[in-house]
């Protein structure tokens, strides 16, 4: 199959990132430019945030997906990166404006998402870049208590949801 033909809509790759080398080195590398927005790794302080360390042992997991944009010759590239527990720690999408959207997740020791960082870019006319941080807090029983969001480094986080439980 030729990559320049128009007879395919989506191509999926599994197990590793070697297929990314066909399209450029950025497809096989996790973007760590937003890692400073995550909590420091700790095995002694609740909620026990873990580092966002990628692994290359991704057997059975989807790694790269390429989708043709209908009505054009362009494509959207999507890459998933995993940690040692097969959790997606980052998804990168190379969008139709030749920019990159990056969604990264930091997990607790027991696998709950603690923070997500979504960085979206738009190139071309009216170029834009936005970063959305979501922080989730849990009680000692592992139940979600609050969700806070911050857009583009605003001075304070905004409370989005509060959950209360009958004890």
Foldseek 3Di string as FASTA:
>chain_A
DDPQDPPDFKDWDFFFQPVVVVPDDVLRDDDCPCVVVDDDADPPDPPRWHHLDFDGGGHPHIAKMWGADPPDSDIKIKGFTAHPVRDTQKIWICDPQRDIWMWGFIAHPVGHTAKIKIWDWHDDPPTDIKIKMWGWDADPVRHTAWIWIDMPPPVDTHTDDGDDDDD
